[in-house]
Amino acid sequence: MRKNDTELWSPPVHADFMDLRGTKLPLRAQGQTGEDLRRHGIDLATGAQLTLYADDATDAGYPDDLTGLGVVEEDPELGWVAIVDWHGLRHVSELDPIDRELYLRARPEGFEPRPR
């Protein structure tokens, strides 16, 4: 999740993990993903690493984003994609304390998770 002890690889970028095609996640220019890329001034480039998230919740209904890391590449059929390790996805409540704190600082839209 993090580049070092003080920063994530990127500000959190919305990802539709339900659109995952094998290990490739299309990075659409429209919708929330495109909005996040534009808002954060992220230009996609092969090899760039992105901190990705999808809105999720605990069984009790508390916010608990699903997060992961994606490496950007250009696919001839899908356009820009992030290569994602499905097994590396974690809920915010499952992140180590440093990743969790960095994520919470970078995701200021009122997101406040509760323990699972």
PDB file of N, CA and C in Angstrom:
ATOM      1  N   MET A   1       0.810  -1.205   0.000  1.00  0.00           N
ATOM      2  CA  MET A   1       0.000   0.000   0.000  1.00  0.00           C
ATOM      3  C   MET A   1       0.848   1.261   0.000  1.00  0.00           C
ATOM      4  N   ARG A   2       1.985   1.194   0.703  1.00  0.00           N
ATOM      5  CA  ARG A   2       2.739   2.437   0.883  1.00  0.00           C
ATOM      6  C   ARG A   2       4.099   2.389   0.204  1.00  0.00           C
ATOM      7  N   LYS A   3       4.503   3.564  -0.214  1.00  0.00           N
ATOM      8  CA  LYS A   3       5.805   3.761  -0.845  1.00  0.00           C
ATOM      9  C   LYS A   3       6.900   3.733   0.224  1.00  0.00           C
ATOM     10  N   ASN A   4       6.607   4.360   1.355  1.00  0.00           N
ATOM     11  CA  ASN A   4       7.518   4.397   2.501  1.00  0.00           C
ATOM     12  C   ASN A   4       6.676   4.651   3.748  1.00  0.00           C
ATOM     13  N   ASP A   5       7.287   4.963   4.858  1.00  0.00           N
ATOM     14  CA  ASP A   5       6.527   5.127   6.097  1.00  0.00           C
ATOM     15  C   ASP A   5       5.720   6.420   6.174  1.00  0.00           C
ATOM     16  N   THR A   6       5.836   7.274   5.151  1.00  0.00           N
ATOM     17  CA  THR A   6       5.119   8.549   5.219  1.00  0.00           C
ATOM     18  C   THR A   6       4.158   8.799   4.058  1.00  0.00           C
ATOM     19  N   GLU A   7       4.134   7.919   3.051  1.00  0.00           N
ATOM     20  CA  GLU A   7       3.234   8.170   1.932  1.00  0.00           C
ATOM     21  C   GLU A   7       2.798   6.881   1.230  1.00  0.00           C
ATOM     22  N   LEU A   8       1.574   6.942   0.712  1.00  0.00           N
ATOM     23  CA  LEU A   8       1.058   5.857  -0.119  1.00  0.00           C
ATOM     24  C   LEU A   8       1.682   5.978  -1.504  1.00  0.00           C
ATOM     25  N   TRP A   9       1.530   4.944  -2.323  1.00  0.00           N
ATOM     26  CA  TRP A   9       2.029   5.016  -3.702  1.00  0.00           C
ATOM     27  C   TRP A   9       1.312   6.107  -4.480  1.00  0.00           C
ATOM     28  N   SER A  10       0.046   6.326  -4.161  1.00  0.00           N
ATOM     29  CA  SER A  10      -0.723   7.404  -4.790  1.00  0.00           C
ATOM     30  C   SER A  10      -1.874   7.731  -3.845  1.00  0.00           C
ATOM     31  N   PRO A  11      -2.515   8.875  -4.062  1.00  0.00           N
ATOM     32  CA  PRO A  11      -3.768   9.084  -3.337  1.00  0.00           C
ATOM     33  C   PRO A  11      -4.722   7.945  -3.729  1.00  0.00           C
ATOM     34  N   PRO A  12      -5.642   7.559  -2.853  1.00  0.00           N
ATOM     35  CA  PRO A  12      -6.561   6.474  -3.198  1.00  0.00           C
ATOM     36  C   PRO A  12      -7.389   6.787  -4.451  1.00  0.00           C
ATOM     37  N   VAL A  13      -7.412   5.820  -5.373  1.00  0.00           N
ATOM     38  CA  VAL A  13      -8.158   5.937  -6.628  1.00  0.00           C
ATOM     39  C   VAL A  13      -9.235   4.863  -6.635  1.00  0.00           C
ATOM     40  N   HIS A  14     -10.460   5.282  -6.899  1.00  0.00           N
ATOM     41  CA  HIS A  14     -11.576   4.335  -6.920  1.00  0.00           C
ATOM     42  C   HIS A  14     -11.358   3.274  -7.990  1.00  0.00           C
ATOM     43  N   ALA A  15     -11.703   2.037  -7.644  1.00  0.00           N
ATOM     44  CA  ALA A  15     -11.576   0.913  -8.577  1.00  0.00           C
ATOM     45  C   ALA A  15     -12.809   0.036  -8.466  1.00  0.00           C
ATOM     46  N   ASP A  16     -13.277  -0.444  -9.589  1.00  0.00           N
ATOM     47  CA  ASP A  16     -14.404  -1.366  -9.604  1.00  0.00           C
ATOM     48  C   ASP A  16     -13.834  -2.785  -9.635  1.00  0.00           C
ATOM     49  N   PHE A  17     -13.548  -3.344  -8.454  1.00  0.00           N
ATOM     50  CA  PHE A  17     -12.936  -4.667  -8.388  1.00  0.00           C
ATOM     51  C   PHE A  17     -13.837  -5.750  -8.975  1.00  0.00           C
ATOM     52  N   MET A  18     -15.116  -5.468  -9.146  1.00  0.00           N
ATOM     53  CA  MET A  18     -16.020  -6.433  -9.784  1.00  0.00           C
ATOM     54  C   MET A  18     -15.755  -6.514 -11.285  1.00  0.00           C
ATOM     55  N   ASP A  19     -15.013  -5.538 -11.833  1.00  0.00           N
ATOM     56  CA  ASP A  19     -14.675  -5.506 -13.249  1.00  0.00           C
ATOM     57  C   ASP A  19     -13.313  -6.153 -13.515  1.00  0.00           C
ATOM     58  N   LEU A  20     -12.718  -6.763 -12.484  1.00  0.00           N
ATOM     59  CA  LEU A  20     -11.413  -7.396 -12.616  1.00  0.00           C
ATOM     60  C   LEU A  20     -11.475  -8.510 -13.652  1.00  0.00           C
ATOM     61  N   ARG A  21     -10.565  -8.479 -14.604  1.00  0.00           N
ATOM     62  CA  ARG A  21     -10.496  -9.492 -15.676  1.00  0.00           C
ATOM     63  C   ARG A  21      -9.179 -10.239 -15.534  1.00  0.00           C
ATOM     64  N   GLY A  22      -9.238 -11.335 -14.785  1.00  0.00           N
ATOM     65  CA  GLY A  22      -8.012 -12.036 -14.418  1.00  0.00           C
ATOM     66  C   GLY A  22      -7.296 -11.193 -13.396  1.00  0.00           C
ATOM     67  N   THR A  23      -6.137 -10.653 -13.778  1.00  0.00           N
ATOM     68  CA  THR A  23      -5.411  -9.741 -12.891  1.00  0.00           C
ATOM     69  C   THR A  23      -5.518  -8.298 -13.377  1.00  0.00           C
ATOM     70  N   LYS A  24      -6.240  -8.075 -14.483  1.00  0.00           N
ATOM     71  CA  LYS A  24      -6.319  -6.736 -15.078  1.00  0.00           C
ATOM     72  C   LYS A  24      -7.613  -6.033 -14.685  1.00  0.00           C
ATOM     73  N   LEU A  25      -7.445  -4.810 -14.188  1.00  0.00           N
ATOM     74  CA  LEU A  25      -8.577  -3.979 -13.797  1.00  0.00           C
ATOM     75  C   LEU A  25      -8.594  -2.752 -14.694  1.00  0.00           C
ATOM     76  N   PRO A  26      -9.596  -2.642 -15.591  1.00  0.00           N
ATOM     77  CA  PRO A  26      -9.661  -1.465 -16.461  1.00  0.00           C
ATOM     78  C   PRO A  26      -9.756  -0.170 -15.642  1.00  0.00           C
ATOM     79  N   LEU A  27      -8.984   0.823 -16.032  1.00  0.00           N
ATOM     80  CA  LEU A  27      -9.011   2.139 -15.396  1.00  0.00           C
ATOM     81  C   LEU A  27      -9.772   3.083 -16.311  1.00  0.00           C
ATOM     82  N   ARG A  28     -11.040   3.169 -16.101  1.00  0.00           N
ATOM     83  CA  ARG A  28     -11.933   3.937 -16.968  1.00  0.00           C
ATOM     84  C   ARG A  28     -11.776   5.436 -16.742  1.00  0.00           C
ATOM     85  N   ALA A  29     -11.810   6.194 -17.829  1.00  0.00           N
ATOM     86  CA  ALA A  29     -11.681   7.649 -17.757  1.00  0.00           C
ATOM     87  C   ALA A  29     -12.965   8.300 -17.259  1.00  0.00           C
ATOM     88  N   GLN A  30     -14.078   7.592 -17.387  1.00  0.00           N
ATOM     89  CA  GLN A  30     -15.338   8.142 -16.902  1.00  0.00           C
ATOM     90  C   GLN A  30     -15.619   7.578 -15.512  1.00  0.00           C
ATOM     91  N   GLY A  31     -16.634   8.105 -14.864  1.00  0.00           N
ATOM     92  CA  GLY A  31     -17.027   7.606 -13.551  1.00  0.00           C
ATOM     93  C   GLY A  31     -16.076   8.045 -12.447  1.00  0.00           C
ATOM     94  N   GLN A  32     -16.231   7.395 -11.306  1.00  0.00           N
ATOM     95  CA  GLN A  32     -15.481   7.782 -10.117  1.00  0.00           C
ATOM     96  C   GLN A  32     -13.976   7.577 -10.276  1.00  0.00           C
ATOM     97  N   THR A  33     -13.561   6.536 -10.997  1.00  0.00           N
ATOM     98  CA  THR A  33     -12.127   6.318 -11.222  1.00  0.00           C
ATOM     99  C   THR A  33     -11.530   7.504 -11.967  1.00  0.00           C
ATOM    100  N   GLY A  34     -12.164   7.891 -13.070  1.00  0.00           N
ATOM    101  CA  GLY A  34     -11.691   9.038 -13.843  1.00  0.00           C
ATOM    102  C   GLY A  34     -11.692  10.318 -13.028  1.00  0.00           C
ATOM    103  N   GLU A  35     -12.737  10.507 -12.217  1.00  0.00           N
ATOM    104  CA  GLU A  35     -12.799  11.701 -11.355  1.00  0.00           C
ATOM    105  C   GLU A  35     -11.634  11.736 -10.378  1.00  0.00           C
ATOM    106  N   ASP A  36     -11.337  10.583  -9.754  1.00  0.00           N
ATOM    107  CA  ASP A  36     -10.216  10.530  -8.814  1.00  0.00           C
ATOM    108  C   ASP A  36      -8.890  10.809  -9.521  1.00  0.00           C
ATOM    109  N   LEU A  37      -8.679  10.214 -10.687  1.00  0.00           N
ATOM    110  CA  LEU A  37      -7.438  10.447 -11.423  1.00  0.00           C
ATOM    111  C   LEU A  37      -7.268  11.928 -11.753  1.00  0.00           C
ATOM    112  N   ARG A  38      -8.346  12.562 -12.216  1.00  0.00           N
ATOM    113  CA  ARG A  38      -8.278  13.992 -12.543  1.00  0.00           C
ATOM    114  C   ARG A  38      -8.086  14.843 -11.290  1.00  0.00           C
ATOM    115  N   ARG A  39      -8.861  14.570 -10.238  1.00  0.00           N
ATOM    116  CA  ARG A  39      -8.791  15.370  -9.013  1.00  0.00           C
ATOM    117  C   ARG A  39      -7.381  15.327  -8.413  1.00  0.00           C
ATOM    118  N   HIS A  40      -6.744  14.152  -8.465  1.00  0.00           N
ATOM    119  CA  HIS A  40      -5.413  14.001  -7.887  1.00  0.00           C
ATOM    120  C   HIS A  40      -4.291  14.326  -8.875  1.00  0.00           C
ATOM    121  N   GLY A  41      -4.659  14.664 -10.124  1.00  0.00           N
ATOM    122  CA  GLY A  41      -3.653  15.013 -11.125  1.00  0.00           C
ATOM    123  C   GLY A  41      -2.758  13.846 -11.506  1.00  0.00           C
ATOM    124  N   ILE A  42      -3.335  12.643 -11.535  1.00  0.00           N
ATOM    125  CA  ILE A  42      -2.557  11.443 -11.857  1.00  0.00           C
ATOM    126  C   ILE A  42      -2.613  11.182 -13.356  1.00  0.00           C
ATOM    127  N   ASP A  43      -1.446  11.175 -13.988  1.00  0.00           N
ATOM    128  CA  ASP A  43      -1.327  10.792 -15.394  1.00  0.00           C
ATOM    129  C   ASP A  43      -0.890   9.334 -15.420  1.00  0.00           C
ATOM    130  N   LEU A  44      -1.663   8.502 -16.092  1.00  0.00           N
ATOM    131  CA  LEU A  44      -1.339   7.077 -16.146  1.00  0.00           C
ATOM    132  C   LEU A  44      -0.105   6.847 -17.010  1.00  0.00           C
ATOM    133  N   ALA A  45       0.770   5.984 -16.520  1.00  0.00           N
ATOM    134  CA  ALA A  45       1.989   5.636 -17.241  1.00  0.00           C
ATOM    135  C   ALA A  45       2.356   4.203 -16.873  1.00  0.00           C
ATOM    136  N   THR A  46       2.874   3.472 -17.828  1.00  0.00           N
ATOM    137  CA  THR A  46       3.282   2.092 -17.593  1.00  0.00           C
ATOM    138  C   THR A  46       4.253   2.024 -16.417  1.00  0.00           C
ATOM    139  N   GLY A  47       3.958   1.123 -15.487  1.00  0.00           N
ATOM    140  CA  GLY A  47       4.812   0.918 -14.318  1.00  0.00           C
ATOM    141  C   GLY A  47       4.431   1.725 -13.098  1.00  0.00           C
ATOM    142  N   ALA A  48       3.561   2.728 -13.275  1.00  0.00           N
ATOM    143  CA  ALA A  48       3.127   3.521 -12.120  1.00  0.00           C
ATOM    144  C   ALA A  48       2.347   2.624 -11.161  1.00  0.00           C
ATOM    145  N   GLN A  49       2.499   2.872  -9.873  1.00  0.00           N
ATOM    146  CA  GLN A  49       1.764   2.105  -8.881  1.00  0.00           C
ATOM    147  C   GLN A  49       0.662   2.981  -8.295  1.00  0.00           C
ATOM    148  N   LEU A  50      -0.522   2.399  -8.191  1.00  0.00           N
ATOM    149  CA  LEU A  50      -1.683   3.115  -7.675  1.00  0.00           C
ATOM    150  C   LEU A  50      -2.239   2.433  -6.440  1.00  0.00           C
ATOM    151  N   THR A  51      -2.604   3.230  -5.457  1.00  0.00           N
ATOM    152  CA  THR A  51      -3.367   2.748  -4.311  1.00  0.00           C
ATOM    153  C   THR A  51      -4.825   2.773  -4.743  1.00  0.00           C
ATOM    154  N   LEU A  52      -5.466   1.613  -4.762  1.00  0.00           N
ATOM    155  CA  LEU A  52      -6.832   1.473  -5.256  1.00  0.00           C
ATOM    156  C   LEU A  52      -7.788   1.160  -4.116  1.00  0.00           C
ATOM    157  N   TYR A  53      -9.058   1.574  -4.268  1.00  0.00           N
ATOM    158  CA  TYR A  53     -10.061   1.248  -3.261  1.00  0.00           C
ATOM    159  C   TYR A  53     -11.429   1.085  -3.903  1.00  0.00           C
ATOM    160  N   ALA A  54     -12.268   0.345  -3.225  1.00  0.00           N
ATOM    161  CA  ALA A  54     -13.682   0.241  -3.581  1.00  0.00           C
ATOM    162  C   ALA A  54     -14.472   0.413  -2.296  1.00  0.00           C
ATOM    163  N   ASP A  55     -15.577   1.129  -2.391  1.00  0.00           N
ATOM    164  CA  ASP A  55     -16.445   1.296  -1.225  1.00  0.00           C
ATOM    165  C   ASP A  55     -16.941  -0.073  -0.792  1.00  0.00           C
ATOM    166  N   ASP A  56     -16.864  -0.338   0.487  1.00  0.00           N
ATOM    167  CA  ASP A  56     -17.376  -1.587   1.041  1.00  0.00           C
ATOM    168  C   ASP A  56     -17.795  -1.305   2.472  1.00  0.00           C
ATOM    169  N   ALA A  57     -18.379  -2.296   3.107  1.00  0.00           N
ATOM    170  CA  ALA A  57     -18.863  -2.111   4.471  1.00  0.00           C
ATOM    171  C   ALA A  57     -18.789  -3.429   5.229  1.00  0.00           C
ATOM    172  N   THR A  58     -18.797  -3.321   6.548  1.00  0.00           N
ATOM    173  CA  THR A  58     -18.836  -4.500   7.402  1.00  0.00           C
ATOM    174  C   THR A  58     -20.248  -5.080   7.369  1.00  0.00           C
ATOM    175  N   ASP A  59     -20.419  -6.242   7.950  1.00  0.00           N
ATOM    176  CA  ASP A  59     -21.746  -6.845   8.033  1.00  0.00           C
ATOM    177  C   ASP A  59     -22.717  -5.951   8.799  1.00  0.00           C
ATOM    178  N   ALA A  60     -22.176  -5.137   9.708  1.00  0.00           N
ATOM    179  CA  ALA A  60     -23.009  -4.222  10.492  1.00  0.00           C
ATOM    180  C   ALA A  60     -23.293  -2.915   9.752  1.00  0.00           C
ATOM    181  N   GLY A  61     -22.725  -2.763   8.539  1.00  0.00           N
ATOM    182  CA  GLY A  61     -23.007  -1.580   7.735  1.00  0.00           C
ATOM    183  C   GLY A  61     -22.034  -0.429   7.907  1.00  0.00           C
ATOM    184  N   TYR A  62     -20.957  -0.627   8.656  1.00  0.00           N
ATOM    185  CA  TYR A  62     -19.958   0.433   8.809  1.00  0.00           C
ATOM    186  C   TYR A  62     -19.019   0.456   7.609  1.00  0.00           C
ATOM    187  N   PRO A  63     -18.610   1.650   7.160  1.00  0.00           N
ATOM    188  CA  PRO A  63     -17.689   1.738   6.026  1.00  0.00           C
ATOM    189  C   PRO A  63     -16.394   0.983   6.302  1.00  0.00           C
ATOM    190  N   ASP A  64     -15.923   0.231   5.326  1.00  0.00           N
ATOM    191  CA  ASP A  64     -14.666  -0.514   5.434  1.00  0.00           C
ATOM    192  C   ASP A  64     -14.169  -0.785   4.018  1.00  0.00           C
ATOM    193  N   ASP A  65     -13.579   0.248   3.398  1.00  0.00           N
ATOM    194  CA  ASP A  65     -13.122   0.148   2.012  1.00  0.00           C
ATOM    195  C   ASP A  65     -12.273  -1.098   1.779  1.00  0.00           C
ATOM    196  N   LEU A  66     -12.425  -1.655   0.588  1.00  0.00           N
ATOM    197  CA  LEU A  66     -11.550  -2.713   0.108  1.00  0.00           C
ATOM    198  C   LEU A  66     -10.413  -2.014  -0.620  1.00  0.00           C
ATOM    199  N   THR A  67      -9.160  -2.331  -0.266  1.00  0.00           N
ATOM    200  CA  THR A  67      -8.009  -1.622  -0.815  1.00  0.00           C
ATOM    201  C   THR A  67      -7.003  -2.590  -1.430  1.00  0.00           C
ATOM    202  N   GLY A  68      -6.172  -2.058  -2.296  1.00  0.00           N
ATOM    203  CA  GLY A  68      -5.125  -2.865  -2.905  1.00  0.00           C
ATOM    204  C   GLY A  68      -4.178  -1.994  -3.706  1.00  0.00           C
ATOM    205  N   LEU A  69      -3.160  -2.627  -4.238  1.00  0.00           N
ATOM    206  CA  LEU A  69      -2.159  -1.937  -5.040  1.00  0.00           C
ATOM    207  C   LEU A  69      -2.258  -2.439  -6.469  1.00  0.00           C
ATOM    208  N   GLY A  70      -2.174  -1.527  -7.422  1.00  0.00           N
ATOM    209  CA  GLY A  70      -2.203  -1.892  -8.826  1.00  0.00           C
ATOM    210  C   GLY A  70      -1.031  -1.273  -9.559  1.00  0.00           C
ATOM    211  N   VAL A  71      -0.466  -2.030 -10.490  1.00  0.00           N
ATOM    212  CA  VAL A  71       0.620  -1.527 -11.332  1.00  0.00           C
ATOM    213  C   VAL A  71       0.025  -1.260 -12.714  1.00  0.00           C
ATOM    214  N   VAL A  72       0.194  -0.052 -13.196  1.00  0.00           N
ATOM    215  CA  VAL A  72      -0.436   0.394 -14.437  1.00  0.00           C
ATOM    216  C   VAL A  72       0.291  -0.163 -15.658  1.00  0.00           C
ATOM    217  N   GLU A  73      -0.498  -0.588 -16.633  1.00  0.00           N
ATOM    218  CA  GLU A  73       0.046  -0.945 -17.947  1.00  0.00           C
ATOM    219  C   GLU A  73      -1.031  -0.663 -18.985  1.00  0.00           C
ATOM    220  N   GLU A  74      -0.611  -0.583 -20.234  1.00  0.00           N
ATOM    221  CA  GLU A  74      -1.557  -0.347 -21.323  1.00  0.00           C
ATOM    222  C   GLU A  74      -1.831  -1.673 -22.009  1.00  0.00           C
ATOM    223  N   ASP A  75      -3.122  -1.990 -22.118  1.00  0.00           N
ATOM    224  CA  ASP A  75      -3.553  -3.233 -22.753  1.00  0.00           C
ATOM    225  C   ASP A  75      -4.133  -2.873 -24.115  1.00  0.00           C
ATOM    226  N   PRO A  76      -3.773  -3.598 -25.190  1.00  0.00           N
ATOM    227  CA  PRO A  76      -4.260  -3.245 -26.522  1.00  0.00           C
ATOM    228  C   PRO A  76      -5.782  -3.297 -26.652  1.00  0.00           C
ATOM    229  N   GLU A  77      -6.437  -4.130 -25.882  1.00  0.00           N
ATOM    230  CA  GLU A  77      -7.903  -4.238 -25.970  1.00  0.00           C
ATOM    231  C   GLU A  77      -8.630  -3.412 -24.925  1.00  0.00           C
ATOM    232  N   LEU A  78      -8.074  -3.323 -23.723  1.00  0.00           N
ATOM    233  CA  LEU A  78      -8.774  -2.683 -22.605  1.00  0.00           C
ATOM    234  C   LEU A  78      -8.342  -1.250 -22.346  1.00  0.00           C
ATOM    235  N   GLY A  79      -7.256  -0.823 -22.953  1.00  0.00           N
ATOM    236  CA  GLY A  79      -6.716   0.509 -22.660  1.00  0.00           C
ATOM    237  C   GLY A  79      -5.890   0.442 -21.382  1.00  0.00           C
ATOM    238  N   TRP A  80      -5.915   1.509 -20.583  1.00  0.00           N
ATOM    239  CA  TRP A  80      -5.148   1.526 -19.340  1.00  0.00           C
ATOM    240  C   TRP A  80      -5.779   0.567 -18.344  1.00  0.00           C
ATOM    241  N   VAL A  81      -4.937  -0.259 -17.735  1.00  0.00           N
ATOM    242  CA  VAL A  81      -5.386  -1.207 -16.718  1.00  0.00           C
ATOM    243  C   VAL A  81      -4.403  -1.155 -15.550  1.00  0.00           C
ATOM    244  N   ALA A  82      -4.883  -1.644 -14.416  1.00  0.00           N
ATOM    245  CA  ALA A  82      -4.003  -1.864 -13.271  1.00  0.00           C
ATOM    246  C   ALA A  82      -3.904  -3.372 -13.080  1.00  0.00           C
ATOM    247  N   ILE A  83      -2.689  -3.870 -12.939  1.00  0.00           N
ATOM    248  CA  ILE A  83      -2.482  -5.286 -12.639  1.00  0.00           C
ATOM    249  C   ILE A  83      -2.612  -5.419 -11.120  1.00  0.00           C
ATOM    250  N   VAL A  84      -3.588  -6.209 -10.696  1.00  0.00           N
ATOM    251  CA  VAL A  84      -3.931  -6.313  -9.280  1.00  0.00           C
ATOM    252  C   VAL A  84      -3.779  -7.757  -8.813  1.00  0.00           C
ATOM    253  N   ASP A  85      -3.163  -7.922  -7.657  1.00  0.00           N
ATOM    254  CA  ASP A  85      -3.091  -9.233  -7.014  1.00  0.00           C
ATOM    255  C   ASP A  85      -4.359  -9.382  -6.178  1.00  0.00           C
ATOM    256  N   TRP A  86      -5.309 -10.174  -6.672  1.00  0.00           N
ATOM    257  CA  TRP A  86      -6.594 -10.348  -5.990  1.00  0.00           C
ATOM    258  C   TRP A  86      -6.384 -10.774  -4.542  1.00  0.00           C
ATOM    259  N   HIS A  87      -5.383 -11.614  -4.301  1.00  0.00           N
ATOM    260  CA  HIS A  87      -5.131 -12.118  -2.944  1.00  0.00           C
ATOM    261  C   HIS A  87      -4.520 -11.051  -2.039  1.00  0.00           C
ATOM    262  N   GLY A  88      -4.055  -9.945  -2.626  1.00  0.00           N
ATOM    263  CA  GLY A  88      -3.475  -8.861  -1.842  1.00  0.00           C
ATOM    264  C   GLY A  88      -4.477  -7.807  -1.409  1.00  0.00           C
ATOM    265  N   LEU A  89      -5.741  -7.950  -1.818  1.00  0.00           N
ATOM    266  CA  LEU A  89      -6.759  -6.972  -1.428  1.00  0.00           C
ATOM    267  C   LEU A  89      -7.075  -7.124   0.052  1.00  0.00           C
ATOM    268  N   ARG A  90      -7.219  -5.987   0.738  1.00  0.00           N
ATOM    269  CA  ARG A  90      -7.521  -5.974   2.167  1.00  0.00           C
ATOM    270  C   ARG A  90      -8.534  -4.882   2.471  1.00  0.00           C
ATOM    271  N   HIS A  91      -9.354  -5.136   3.465  1.00  0.00           N
ATOM    272  CA  HIS A  91     -10.221  -4.079   3.984  1.00  0.00           C
ATOM    273  C   HIS A  91      -9.366  -3.147   4.846  1.00  0.00           C
ATOM    274  N   VAL A  92      -9.787  -1.903   4.963  1.00  0.00           N
ATOM    275  CA  VAL A  92      -9.048  -0.934   5.766  1.00  0.00           C
ATOM    276  C   VAL A  92      -8.853  -1.468   7.183  1.00  0.00           C
ATOM    277  N   SER A  93      -9.860  -2.114   7.732  1.00  0.00           N
ATOM    278  CA  SER A  93      -9.756  -2.648   9.089  1.00  0.00           C
ATOM    279  C   SER A  93      -8.696  -3.737   9.217  1.00  0.00           C
ATOM    280  N   GLU A  94      -8.252  -4.305   8.095  1.00  0.00           N
ATOM    281  CA  GLU A  94      -7.244  -5.373   8.112  1.00  0.00           C
ATOM    282  C   GLU A  94      -5.829  -4.872   7.829  1.00  0.00           C
ATOM    283  N   LEU A  95      -5.685  -3.593   7.491  1.00  0.00           N
ATOM    284  CA  LEU A  95      -4.368  -3.042   7.167  1.00  0.00           C
ATOM    285  C   LEU A  95      -3.497  -2.914   8.411  1.00  0.00           C
ATOM    286  N   ASP A  96      -2.180  -2.941   8.207  1.00  0.00           N
ATOM    287  CA  ASP A  96      -1.299  -2.702   9.354  1.00  0.00           C
ATOM    288  C   ASP A  96      -1.469  -1.248   9.777  1.00  0.00           C
ATOM    289  N   PRO A  97      -1.079  -0.909  11.002  1.00  0.00           N
ATOM    290  CA  PRO A  97      -1.345   0.437  11.524  1.00  0.00           C
ATOM    291  C   PRO A  97      -0.810   1.581  10.663  1.00  0.00           C
ATOM    292  N   ILE A  98       0.375   1.424  10.067  1.00  0.00           N
ATOM    293  CA  ILE A  98       0.926   2.513   9.251  1.00  0.00           C
ATOM    294  C   ILE A  98       0.124   2.680   7.972  1.00  0.00           C
ATOM    295  N   ASP A  99      -0.149   1.581   7.255  1.00  0.00           N
ATOM    296  CA  ASP A  99      -0.964   1.663   6.036  1.00  0.00           C
ATOM    297  C   ASP A  99      -2.330   2.265   6.350  1.00  0.00           C
ATOM    298  N   ARG A 100      -2.933   1.817   7.432  1.00  0.00           N
ATOM    299  CA  ARG A 100      -4.272   2.300   7.819  1.00  0.00           C
ATOM    300  C   ARG A 100      -4.250   3.810   8.055  1.00  0.00           C
ATOM    301  N   GLU A 101      -3.285   4.290   8.827  1.00  0.00           N
ATOM    302  CA  GLU A 101      -3.202   5.719   9.129  1.00  0.00           C
ATOM    303  C   GLU A 101      -2.970   6.542   7.856  1.00  0.00           C
ATOM    304  N   LEU A 102      -2.055   6.101   6.999  1.00  0.00           N
ATOM    305  CA  LEU A 102      -1.795   6.818   5.748  1.00  0.00           C
ATOM    306  C   LEU A 102      -3.035   6.838   4.866  1.00  0.00           C
ATOM    307  N   TYR A 103      -3.737   5.708   4.794  1.00  0.00           N
ATOM    308  CA  TYR A 103      -4.943   5.633   3.980  1.00  0.00           C
ATOM    309  C   TYR A 103      -6.010   6.588   4.521  1.00  0.00           C
ATOM    310  N   LEU A 104      -6.227   6.562   5.818  1.00  0.00           N
ATOM    311  CA  LEU A 104      -7.266   7.408   6.413  1.00  0.00           C
ATOM    312  C   LEU A 104      -6.954   8.889   6.231  1.00  0.00           C
ATOM    313  N   ARG A 105      -5.683   9.258   6.285  1.00  0.00           N
ATOM    314  CA  ARG A 105      -5.315  10.652   6.048  1.00  0.00           C
ATOM    315  C   ARG A 105      -5.547  11.058   4.594  1.00  0.00           C
ATOM    316  N   ALA A 106      -5.355  10.115   3.666  1.00  0.00           N
ATOM    317  CA  ALA A 106      -5.468  10.419   2.228  1.00  0.00           C
ATOM    318  C   ALA A 106      -6.904  10.329   1.732  1.00  0.00           C
ATOM    319  N   ARG A 107      -7.799   9.726   2.471  1.00  0.00           N
ATOM    320  CA  ARG A 107      -9.195   9.533   2.049  1.00  0.00           C
ATOM    321  C   ARG A 107     -10.093  10.402   2.912  1.00  0.00           C
ATOM    322  N   PRO A 108     -10.083  11.733   2.663  1.00  0.00           N
ATOM    323  CA  PRO A 108     -10.759  12.674   3.559  1.00  0.00           C
ATOM    324  C   PRO A 108     -12.259  12.863   3.342  1.00  0.00           C
ATOM    325  N   GLU A 109     -12.882  12.074   2.477  1.00  0.00           N
ATOM    326  CA  GLU A 109     -14.291  12.305   2.164  1.00  0.00           C
ATOM    327  C   GLU A 109     -15.238  11.861   3.274  1.00  0.00           C
ATOM    328  N   GLY A 110     -14.813  11.963   4.525  1.00  0.00           N
ATOM    329  CA  GLY A 110     -15.674  11.590   5.625  1.00  0.00           C
ATOM    330  C   GLY A 110     -15.671  10.092   5.920  1.00  0.00           C
ATOM    331  N   PHE A 111     -14.784   9.365   5.289  1.00  0.00           N
ATOM    332  CA  PHE A 111     -14.694   7.925   5.518  1.00  0.00           C
ATOM    333  C   PHE A 111     -14.175   7.686   6.926  1.00  0.00           C
ATOM    334  N   GLU A 112     -14.932   6.927   7.708  1.00  0.00           N
ATOM    335  CA  GLU A 112     -14.514   6.610   9.069  1.00  0.00           C
ATOM    336  C   GLU A 112     -14.885   5.170   9.386  1.00  0.00           C
ATOM    337  N   PRO A 113     -13.928   4.255   9.186  1.00  0.00           N
ATOM    338  CA  PRO A 113     -14.250   2.849   9.383  1.00  0.00           C
ATOM    339  C   PRO A 113     -14.415   2.474  10.847  1.00  0.00           C
ATOM    340  N   ARG A 114     -15.112   1.405  11.081  1.00  0.00           N
ATOM    341  CA  ARG A 114     -15.259   0.825  12.422  1.00  0.00           C
ATOM    342  C   ARG A 114     -14.643  -0.558  12.393  1.00  0.00           C
ATOM    343  N   PRO A 115     -14.261  -1.083  13.537  1.00  0.00           N
ATOM    344  CA  PRO A 115     -13.703  -2.441  13.543  1.00  0.00           C
ATOM    345  C   PRO A 115     -14.692  -3.448  13.003  1.00  0.00           C
ATOM    346  N   ARG A 116     -14.187  -4.475  12.333  1.00  0.00           N
ATOM    347  CA  ARG A 116     -15.028  -5.543  11.805  1.00  0.00           C
ATOM    348  C   ARG A 116     -15.651  -6.273  12.911  1.00  0.00           C
TER     349      ARG A 116
END
